[in-house]
Amino acid sequence: MNRSDAEALDAADPLAPLSGLFDLPDGVIYLDGNSLGALPRSAARRAREVIAEEWGSGLIRSWNTADWITLPHRVGDKIARLIGAGAGEVVVADSTSVNLYKVLATALGIAAADPSTAGRRVVLSERSNFPTDLYIAQGLCAERGFELRLIDPEEVAGRGDEAVVDVLDEVAVLLVTQVNYRTGRLLDMARITAAARDAGVLTIWDLCHSAGALPIDLRGVGADFAIGCGYKFLNGGPGAPAFVWVRPDLVDRAAQPLSGWMGHAAPFEMSPAYRPAAGIGRYASGTPGIIAMSILECGVDTLLAAEEYGGVPALRAKSLALTRIFADLVGERVAGAGFTVESPMDDALRGSQLSLSRAEGAFEIVAALIERGVIGDFRAGEPGVAASPDILRFGVTPLYTSYRDVWDAVDRLAEVMASGEWREPRFAARGAVT
């Protein structure tokens, strides 16, 4: 494949017009949307409107006149269309970590109250799960007297879904991320959820690296709980609010532990006693961040705009094509440079990213690429775990990533390796965020 072939694919790409929804810097190939989505053009305009008009002129009246009060549910309904949930089943609130605390605490309470599972004291997750998930689970398990049991990453790499479904004995709650943040490996949500349900295990799915990137059907697979962030593929901006979904027949079975006033059945009743709202509304806690949530809505709208072009299935097809071509080009253009493709090449097992490893210089190579205008990112291996190498991670966001972007990115990677420039000391300097 050459650059002309990539340009021909772009010319034939029905999704190409969607890139116009984003404000990307000239000369930059942005391959980090799986960590922070690009800026929607509508977001700056919407932020000015909320700040200058709704807050500046409307002041507190805008809770009613601009309908701020329903924004967590309005944006939640839009996200629901992307994750296979129904209207009124998703609320936008807080952060992923806080929402995970809510649903895991609720799930532990439900499991403990059910005579068939009351004796189970294990929360099962993966050692390679995103750290915040493990930290929240560690804290709650210690508080509630549960054991956090972790599946080794080499088990998942070698056996895939079997590594999860074969170890559900004694488990009360299964906490897994649909797409692994380091390798991009995709778990089979339908199969794992069905196996967990047959074993009497409640499931919590972290959708941070999958919502907006691939088709999800929470209702269809019978999942129990799901959480996800707003700032990756949903393009909601740095630190954007997160979302939470609970299976409708579970949502009223228990009150989540962070019983803040916005989760009350009648917040402005100002009662001293908490009375949980019906449905997903009880998973709200404090006052929503209206500016951030308004910007998140702009990001979600970029994905809903894709419905005209085939929706999330069309985005998924392009994502798979982009990551496959990326891997093929790495094999052609930088063969012998020491890279290993860590992402699965089976389309059914790969999320919307390509992860490479290298025994030496992963961080420095990413830094050298960034200087050349190719923005990916670096993820360090887990200390002391041989099967957890340093990762060069490249996300593709089909809304704005082109085939030419992928070709040019690998071309610049080849230049970085051929020149050896990544060995220059300046590329080893690390900031607070890597």
Protein backbone atom coordinates (compact mmCIF):
# COMPACT_ATOMS: atom_id res chain seq x y z
CA MET A 1 0.00 0.00 0.00
CA ASN A 2 1.28 3.48 -0.83
CA ARG A 3 0.09 6.96 0.05
CA SER A 4 -1.98 7.23 -3.13
CA ASP A 5 -3.87 4.10 -2.12
CA ALA A 6 -4.64 5.71 1.25
CA GLU A 7 -5.87 8.87 -0.46
CA ALA A 8 -8.11 6.77 -2.72
CA LEU A 9 -9.65 5.09 0.34
CA ASP A 10 -10.31 8.51 1.85
CA ALA A 11 -11.96 9.71 -1.37
CA ALA A 12 -14.31 6.73 -1.25
CA ASP A 13 -14.99 6.94 2.51
CA PRO A 14 -18.67 7.79 3.19
CA LEU A 15 -17.74 8.89 6.74
CA ALA A 16 -15.18 11.47 5.57
CA PRO A 17 -17.54 14.48 5.90
CA LEU A 18 -17.78 13.87 9.66
CA SER A 19 -14.20 15.09 10.17
CA GLY A 20 -15.56 18.58 9.52
CA LEU A 21 -17.31 18.41 12.88
CA PHE A 22 -13.95 18.73 14.65
CA ASP A 23 -11.40 21.48 15.12
CA LEU A 24 -8.02 19.76 14.72
CA PRO A 25 -4.70 21.64 14.52
CA ASP A 26 -3.04 21.84 11.11
CA GLY A 27 -0.10 19.50 10.71
CA VAL A 28 -1.17 17.16 13.51
CA ILE A 29 -2.13 13.51 13.15
CA TYR A 30 -4.16 12.84 16.25
CA LEU A 31 -4.13 9.18 17.32
CA ASP A 32 -5.04 9.61 20.97
CA GLY A 33 -8.81 9.92 20.85
CA ASN A 34 -9.00 6.75 22.95
CA SER A 35 -7.54 8.85 25.77
CA LEU A 36 -8.96 12.32 25.03
CA GLY A 37 -11.29 12.94 22.11
CA ALA A 38 -10.73 15.87 19.77
CA LEU A 39 -12.55 19.19 20.11
CA PRO A 40 -15.96 19.34 18.39
CA ARG A 41 -16.40 22.64 16.54
CA SER A 42 -19.74 23.13 18.28
CA ALA A 43 -18.24 22.85 21.77
CA ALA A 44 -16.60 26.29 21.99
CA ARG A 45 -19.74 27.95 20.68
CA ARG A 46 -21.91 26.04 23.13
CA ALA A 47 -19.59 26.86 26.05
CA ARG A 48 -19.80 30.59 25.22
CA GLU A 49 -23.58 30.33 25.04
CA VAL A 50 -23.85 28.59 28.41
CA ILE A 51 -21.40 30.97 30.09
CA ALA A 52 -22.40 34.31 28.57
CA GLU A 53 -26.12 33.82 28.04
CA GLU A 54 -27.49 31.11 30.28
CA TRP A 55 -25.23 31.79 33.26
CA GLY A 56 -24.28 35.41 32.53
CA SER A 57 -27.74 36.72 31.68
CA GLY A 58 -30.06 34.01 32.89
CA LEU A 59 -28.25 33.51 36.18
CA ILE A 60 -30.00 31.07 38.48
CA ARG A 61 -33.17 31.31 36.41
CA SER A 62 -31.53 29.07 33.81
CA TRP A 63 -32.14 26.01 35.93
CA ASN A 64 -35.71 26.45 34.69
CA THR A 65 -35.52 28.65 31.59
CA ALA A 66 -32.62 26.72 30.00
CA ASP A 67 -33.79 23.46 31.59
CA TRP A 68 -30.43 22.76 33.20
CA ILE A 69 -32.11 20.49 35.73
CA THR A 70 -32.91 17.79 33.16
CA LEU A 71 -29.54 17.92 31.36
CA PRO A 72 -28.10 14.79 33.06
CA HIS A 73 -31.05 12.78 31.76
CA ARG A 74 -31.22 14.40 28.32
CA VAL A 75 -27.56 13.65 27.64
CA GLY A 76 -28.01 10.24 29.22
CA ASP A 77 -30.77 9.45 26.73
CA LYS A 78 -28.42 10.34 23.88
CA ILE A 79 -25.67 8.09 25.24
CA ALA A 80 -28.25 5.33 25.67
CA ARG A 81 -28.64 5.24 21.88
CA LEU A 82 -24.93 4.37 21.59
CA ILE A 83 -24.81 1.58 24.19
CA GLY A 84 -28.02 -0.37 23.63
CA ALA A 85 -29.96 1.10 26.52
CA GLY A 86 -33.46 2.55 26.60
CA ALA A 87 -34.70 6.08 27.17
CA GLY A 88 -34.65 7.00 30.85
CA GLU A 89 -32.06 4.32 31.70
CA VAL A 90 -28.81 6.32 31.65
CA VAL A 91 -27.83 9.30 33.76
CA VAL A 92 -24.74 11.47 33.36
CA ALA A 93 -23.11 12.21 36.70
CA ASP A 94 -19.79 12.49 38.50
CA SER A 95 -16.70 10.59 37.28
CA THR A 96 -16.12 7.00 36.21
CA SER A 97 -14.48 6.24 39.57
CA VAL A 98 -17.39 7.64 41.57
CA ASN A 99 -19.97 5.86 39.42
CA LEU A 100 -18.07 2.60 39.76
CA TYR A 101 -18.14 3.01 43.54
CA LYS A 102 -21.92 3.45 43.35
CA VAL A 103 -22.66 0.41 41.21
CA LEU A 104 -20.13 -1.92 42.84
CA ALA A 105 -21.43 -1.07 46.31
CA THR A 106 -24.98 -1.62 45.08
CA ALA A 107 -24.07 -4.93 43.44
CA LEU A 108 -22.34 -6.17 46.60
CA GLY A 109 -25.44 -5.26 48.60
CA ILE A 110 -27.76 -7.09 46.21
CA ALA A 111 -25.51 -10.17 46.19
CA ALA A 112 -25.30 -10.20 49.99
CA ALA A 113 -29.08 -9.92 50.36
CA ASP A 114 -29.82 -12.77 47.95
CA PRO A 115 -29.89 -16.14 49.78
CA SER A 116 -28.44 -17.88 46.73
CA THR A 117 -25.32 -15.69 46.70
CA ALA A 118 -25.06 -14.44 50.29
CA GLY A 119 -22.09 -16.70 51.03
CA ARG A 120 -20.00 -15.51 48.11
CA ARG A 121 -17.23 -13.09 49.05
CA VAL A 122 -15.29 -12.60 45.81
CA VAL A 123 -15.17 -9.73 43.34
CA LEU A 124 -13.46 -10.90 40.15
CA SER A 125 -11.57 -8.60 37.80
CA GLU A 126 -8.46 -8.56 35.60
CA ARG A 127 -5.00 -7.55 36.78
CA SER A 128 -4.69 -5.51 33.58
CA ASN A 129 -7.94 -3.64 34.19
CA PHE A 130 -7.69 0.14 34.29
CA PRO A 131 -6.11 1.06 37.65
CA THR A 132 -8.97 3.23 38.93
CA ASP A 133 -11.31 0.23 38.65
CA LEU A 134 -8.93 -1.88 40.71
CA TYR A 135 -8.36 0.86 43.29
CA ILE A 136 -12.09 1.42 43.82
CA ALA A 137 -12.65 -2.33 44.05
CA GLN A 138 -9.77 -2.74 46.52
CA GLY A 139 -11.22 -0.09 48.80
CA LEU A 140 -14.77 -1.44 48.71
CA CYS A 141 -13.70 -5.04 49.16
CA ALA A 142 -11.65 -4.10 52.22
CA GLU A 143 -14.58 -2.12 53.60
CA ARG A 144 -17.19 -4.84 52.98
CA GLY A 145 -15.11 -7.92 53.77
CA PHE A 146 -14.79 -9.22 50.21
CA GLU A 147 -11.77 -10.63 48.38
CA LEU A 148 -10.67 -8.97 45.14
CA ARG A 149 -9.47 -11.78 42.88
CA LEU A 150 -7.54 -10.87 39.73
CA ILE A 151 -7.08 -12.80 36.49
CA ASP A 152 -3.54 -12.57 35.14
CA PRO A 153 -3.17 -10.76 31.80
CA GLU A 154 -1.33 -13.68 30.21
CA GLU A 155 -4.39 -15.83 30.91
CA VAL A 156 -6.63 -13.42 29.02
CA ALA A 157 -4.06 -13.06 26.24
CA GLY A 158 -3.81 -16.82 25.84
CA ARG A 159 -7.35 -17.98 26.55
CA GLY A 160 -9.49 -14.91 25.97
CA ASP A 161 -13.04 -15.10 27.31
CA GLU A 162 -12.39 -18.59 28.70
CA ALA A 163 -10.03 -17.04 31.24
CA VAL A 164 -13.04 -15.26 32.69
CA VAL A 165 -15.92 -17.69 32.33
CA ASP A 166 -13.96 -20.63 33.79
CA VAL A 167 -13.29 -18.97 37.16
CA LEU A 168 -16.71 -17.76 38.29
CA ASP A 169 -17.06 -20.11 41.26
CA GLU A 170 -17.45 -18.24 44.58
CA VAL A 171 -17.78 -14.95 42.68
CA ALA A 172 -20.44 -12.44 43.70
CA VAL A 173 -19.61 -9.65 41.22
CA LEU A 174 -17.63 -9.64 37.99
CA LEU A 175 -16.00 -6.30 37.10
CA VAL A 176 -14.49 -6.17 33.62
CA THR A 177 -13.63 -3.60 30.98
CA GLN A 178 -14.95 -4.36 27.51
CA VAL A 179 -11.80 -3.10 25.74
CA ASN A 180 -8.46 -3.36 27.53
CA TYR A 181 -6.88 0.07 27.77
CA ARG A 182 -3.33 -1.18 27.10
CA THR A 183 -3.71 -3.78 24.36
CA GLY A 184 -7.09 -2.94 22.87
CA ARG A 185 -8.28 -6.52 23.36
CA LEU A 186 -12.08 -6.78 23.14
CA LEU A 187 -13.97 -9.16 25.40
CA ASP A 188 -17.17 -10.87 24.23
CA MET A 189 -19.78 -9.08 26.32
CA ALA A 190 -22.63 -11.38 25.32
CA ARG A 191 -20.78 -14.61 26.11
CA ILE A 192 -19.27 -13.45 29.39
CA THR A 193 -22.53 -11.91 30.61
CA ALA A 194 -24.46 -15.08 29.79
CA ALA A 195 -21.92 -17.25 31.62
CA ALA A 196 -22.02 -14.92 34.64
CA ARG A 197 -25.82 -14.93 34.68
CA ASP A 198 -25.87 -18.77 34.55
CA ALA A 199 -23.45 -18.79 37.50
CA GLY A 200 -25.53 -16.30 39.50
CA VAL A 201 -22.87 -13.59 39.18
CA LEU A 202 -23.70 -9.90 38.75
CA THR A 203 -21.76 -8.12 35.98
CA ILE A 204 -20.36 -4.60 35.85
CA TRP A 205 -19.03 -3.46 32.47
CA ASP A 206 -16.61 -0.56 32.12
CA LEU A 207 -17.28 0.98 28.70
CA CYS A 208 -14.65 3.73 28.82
CA HIS A 209 -12.74 2.40 25.80
CA SER A 210 -15.73 1.10 23.86
CA ALA A 211 -18.68 3.52 24.15
CA GLY A 212 -18.83 5.42 20.88
CA ALA A 213 -16.26 3.16 19.22
CA LEU A 214 -18.16 -0.06 18.64
CA PRO A 215 -21.73 -1.39 18.80
CA ILE A 216 -22.89 -2.19 22.35
CA ASP A 217 -26.17 -3.82 23.34
CA LEU A 218 -26.47 -3.73 27.13
CA ARG A 219 -30.14 -4.65 27.16
CA GLY A 220 -29.73 -7.32 24.52
CA VAL A 221 -26.97 -9.20 26.35
CA GLY A 222 -28.64 -8.85 29.75
CA ALA A 223 -25.86 -6.94 31.48
CA ASP A 224 -26.49 -5.76 35.03
CA PHE A 225 -24.49 -2.52 35.43
CA ALA A 226 -22.37 -0.33 33.16
CA ILE A 227 -20.32 2.80 33.62
CA GLY A 228 -18.17 4.86 31.28
CA CYS A 229 -16.41 8.17 30.82
CA GLY A 230 -17.33 11.06 28.56
CA TYR A 231 -13.95 12.28 27.37
CA LYS A 232 -12.62 9.49 25.14
CA PHE A 233 -14.65 8.38 22.13
CA LEU A 234 -17.61 10.50 23.28
CA ASN A 235 -15.48 13.63 22.69
CA GLY A 236 -16.75 15.45 25.78
CA GLY A 237 -13.54 17.27 26.73
CA PRO A 238 -10.95 16.77 29.49
CA GLY A 239 -12.54 15.50 32.67
CA ALA A 240 -15.99 15.32 31.08
CA PRO A 241 -18.73 13.83 33.25
CA ALA A 242 -19.27 10.08 33.18
CA PHE A 243 -22.40 8.00 32.79
CA VAL A 244 -24.05 5.09 34.57
CA TRP A 245 -26.61 2.48 33.51
CA VAL A 246 -28.37 -0.13 35.63
CA ARG A 247 -30.55 -2.95 34.34
CA PRO A 248 -34.11 -1.65 34.70
CA ASP A 249 -35.36 -4.51 36.90
CA LEU A 250 -32.40 -4.02 39.27
CA VAL A 251 -32.39 -0.25 39.51
CA ASP A 252 -34.95 0.06 42.30
CA ARG A 253 -33.79 -2.95 44.32
CA ALA A 254 -31.22 -1.01 46.33
CA ALA A 255 -30.26 2.58 47.10
CA GLN A 256 -26.77 3.44 45.96
CA PRO A 257 -24.51 4.62 48.81
CA LEU A 258 -23.77 8.20 47.68
CA SER A 259 -27.24 9.44 48.49
CA GLY A 260 -26.84 13.06 47.47
CA TRP A 261 -29.64 15.52 47.01
CA MET A 262 -29.90 15.17 43.23
CA GLY A 263 -30.66 11.48 43.69
CA HIS A 264 -33.58 12.30 45.99
CA ALA A 265 -37.11 11.69 44.78
CA ALA A 266 -37.90 15.40 45.28
CA PRO A 267 -34.68 17.42 45.71
CA PHE A 268 -36.41 20.74 46.31
CA GLU A 269 -38.63 19.28 48.96
CA MET A 270 -35.53 19.83 51.13
CA SER A 271 -36.50 16.97 53.42
CA PRO A 272 -33.92 16.00 56.08
CA ALA A 273 -34.57 12.33 55.27
CA TYR A 274 -33.29 10.75 52.05
CA ARG A 275 -35.87 9.15 49.77
CA PRO A 276 -34.33 7.73 46.59
CA ALA A 277 -35.68 8.73 43.22
CA ALA A 278 -37.30 6.06 41.12
CA GLY A 279 -35.18 4.52 38.38
CA ILE A 280 -31.76 5.64 37.28
CA GLY A 281 -32.29 9.09 38.80
CA ARG A 282 -31.20 7.71 42.17
CA TYR A 283 -27.68 7.28 40.76
CA ALA A 284 -27.22 11.05 40.60
CA SER A 285 -25.57 12.55 43.66
CA GLY A 286 -24.48 16.19 43.76
CA THR A 287 -25.31 19.21 41.62
CA PRO A 288 -24.34 18.53 37.98
CA GLY A 289 -21.58 20.53 36.30
CA ILE A 290 -23.67 22.29 33.68
CA ILE A 291 -20.85 23.77 31.58
CA ALA A 292 -19.00 20.45 31.32
CA MET A 293 -22.18 18.52 30.68
CA SER A 294 -23.25 20.91 27.93
CA ILE A 295 -19.92 20.40 26.19
CA LEU A 296 -20.26 16.63 26.57
CA GLU A 297 -23.58 16.85 24.76
CA CYS A 298 -21.76 18.40 21.79
CA GLY A 299 -19.37 15.47 21.76
CA VAL A 300 -22.15 12.89 21.91
CA ASP A 301 -23.92 14.72 19.09
CA THR A 302 -20.90 14.13 16.80
CA LEU A 303 -21.52 10.40 17.16
CA LEU A 304 -25.24 10.72 16.63
CA ALA A 305 -24.45 12.66 13.45
CA ALA A 306 -22.92 9.42 12.14
CA GLU A 307 -26.38 7.81 12.10
CA GLU A 308 -26.90 9.44 8.71
CA TYR A 309 -23.87 7.50 7.44
CA GLY A 310 -24.57 4.11 8.95
CA GLY A 311 -24.09 4.88 12.63
CA VAL A 312 -21.82 3.03 15.04
CA PRO A 313 -21.65 -0.12 12.84
CA ALA A 314 -20.16 1.99 10.03
CA LEU A 315 -17.71 3.56 12.46
CA ARG A 316 -16.75 0.10 13.66
CA ALA A 317 -16.11 -1.15 10.13
CA LYS A 318 -13.83 1.82 9.39
CA SER A 319 -12.04 1.43 12.73
CA LEU A 320 -11.23 -2.20 11.95
CA ALA A 321 -9.97 -1.26 8.49
CA LEU A 322 -7.78 1.53 9.87
CA THR A 323 -6.20 -0.60 12.59
CA ARG A 324 -5.64 -3.52 10.19
CA ILE A 325 -3.91 -1.24 7.67
CA PHE A 326 -1.89 0.33 10.48
CA ALA A 327 -0.62 -3.09 11.59
CA ASP A 328 0.14 -4.14 8.01
CA LEU A 329 2.10 -0.94 7.38
CA VAL A 330 4.10 -1.41 10.57
CA GLY A 331 5.01 -4.89 9.32
CA GLU A 332 6.04 -3.49 5.93
CA ARG A 333 7.68 -0.19 6.81
CA VAL A 334 9.43 -0.88 10.14
CA ALA A 335 10.06 -4.62 9.93
CA GLY A 336 13.13 -5.51 11.92
CA ALA A 337 12.85 -2.47 14.19
CA GLY A 338 11.85 -4.57 17.19
CA PHE A 339 8.12 -3.80 17.37
CA THR A 340 5.54 -6.38 18.42
CA VAL A 341 1.86 -5.84 17.70
CA GLU A 342 0.11 -6.37 21.03
CA SER A 343 -3.44 -5.79 19.79
CA PRO A 344 -5.27 -8.86 18.50
CA MET A 345 -5.43 -9.07 14.71
CA ASP A 346 -8.68 -11.02 14.83
CA ASP A 347 -11.28 -8.33 14.12
CA ALA A 348 -13.67 -9.84 16.66
CA LEU A 349 -11.10 -9.30 19.42
CA ARG A 350 -9.80 -5.77 18.67
CA GLY A 351 -11.08 -2.43 19.91
CA SER A 352 -10.42 0.90 18.20
CA GLN A 353 -6.68 1.10 18.80
CA LEU A 354 -3.39 -0.47 17.79
CA SER A 355 -0.86 -1.15 20.53
CA LEU A 356 2.78 -1.87 19.83
CA SER A 357 5.48 -2.91 22.27
CA ARG A 358 9.24 -2.65 22.09
CA ALA A 359 11.85 -3.87 24.54
CA GLU A 360 13.61 -0.50 24.52
CA GLY A 361 12.59 3.10 24.01
CA ALA A 362 8.80 2.95 23.85
CA PHE A 363 8.39 6.25 25.69
CA GLU A 364 11.14 8.01 23.72
CA ILE A 365 9.77 6.84 20.38
CA VAL A 366 6.32 8.19 21.23
CA ALA A 367 7.92 11.50 22.26
CA ALA A 368 9.85 11.69 18.98
CA LEU A 369 6.66 11.01 17.03
CA ILE A 370 4.84 13.76 18.90
CA GLU A 371 7.58 16.20 17.90
CA ARG A 372 6.91 15.13 14.30
CA GLY A 373 3.20 15.85 14.71
CA VAL A 374 1.94 12.30 15.36
CA ILE A 375 0.20 12.23 18.74
CA GLY A 376 -0.14 8.79 20.27
CA ASP A 377 0.63 7.85 23.85
CA PHE A 378 2.70 5.62 26.09
CA ARG A 379 1.56 3.18 28.75
CA ALA A 380 4.11 1.61 31.07
CA GLY A 381 4.15 -2.09 31.77
CA GLU A 382 3.09 -3.31 35.18
CA PRO A 383 6.21 -3.40 37.40
CA GLY A 384 7.58 -6.90 37.83
CA VAL A 385 5.20 -8.55 35.34
CA ALA A 386 7.10 -9.93 32.35
CA ALA A 387 3.94 -10.27 30.27
CA SER A 388 3.20 -6.56 30.68
CA PRO A 389 5.55 -4.65 28.35
CA ASP A 390 5.75 -0.92 27.74
CA ILE A 391 3.19 0.07 25.12
CA LEU A 392 3.09 2.59 22.27
CA ARG A 393 -0.65 3.15 21.90
CA PHE A 394 -2.39 4.57 18.84
CA GLY A 395 -6.13 5.15 18.91
CA VAL A 396 -8.21 5.60 15.80
CA THR A 397 -11.41 7.61 15.89
CA PRO A 398 -13.27 6.98 12.62
CA LEU A 399 -15.12 10.27 12.91
CA TYR A 400 -11.90 12.13 12.12
CA THR A 401 -9.04 9.65 11.54
CA SER A 402 -8.30 9.17 7.85
CA TYR A 403 -6.47 6.45 5.94
CA ARG A 404 -3.86 9.02 4.97
CA ASP A 405 -3.37 9.80 8.67
CA VAL A 406 -2.49 6.17 9.28
CA TRP A 407 -0.12 6.00 6.30
CA ASP A 408 1.63 9.22 7.31
CA ALA A 409 1.91 8.13 10.94
CA VAL A 410 3.71 4.92 10.01
CA ASP A 411 5.85 6.85 7.53
CA ARG A 412 7.01 9.15 10.33
CA LEU A 413 7.55 6.17 12.62
CA ALA A 414 9.85 4.72 9.95
CA GLU A 415 11.75 8.03 9.82
CA VAL A 416 12.13 8.12 13.61
CA MET A 417 13.54 4.59 13.64
CA ALA A 418 15.80 5.05 10.62
CA SER A 419 17.31 8.26 11.99
CA GLY A 420 17.68 6.95 15.55
CA GLU A 421 16.58 10.38 16.76
CA TRP A 422 14.49 8.83 19.53
CA ARG A 423 17.76 8.17 21.39
CA GLU A 424 18.39 11.91 21.83
CA PRO A 425 18.27 12.82 25.53
CA ARG A 426 15.46 15.36 25.18
CA PHE A 427 12.99 12.60 24.30
CA ALA A 428 13.62 10.85 27.62
CA ALA A 429 12.32 13.80 29.68
CA ARG A 430 8.99 12.88 31.27
CA GLY A 431 6.28 15.24 32.41
CA ALA A 432 3.79 14.61 35.17
CA VAL A 433 1.42 13.04 32.62
CA THR A 434 2.72 10.30 30.32
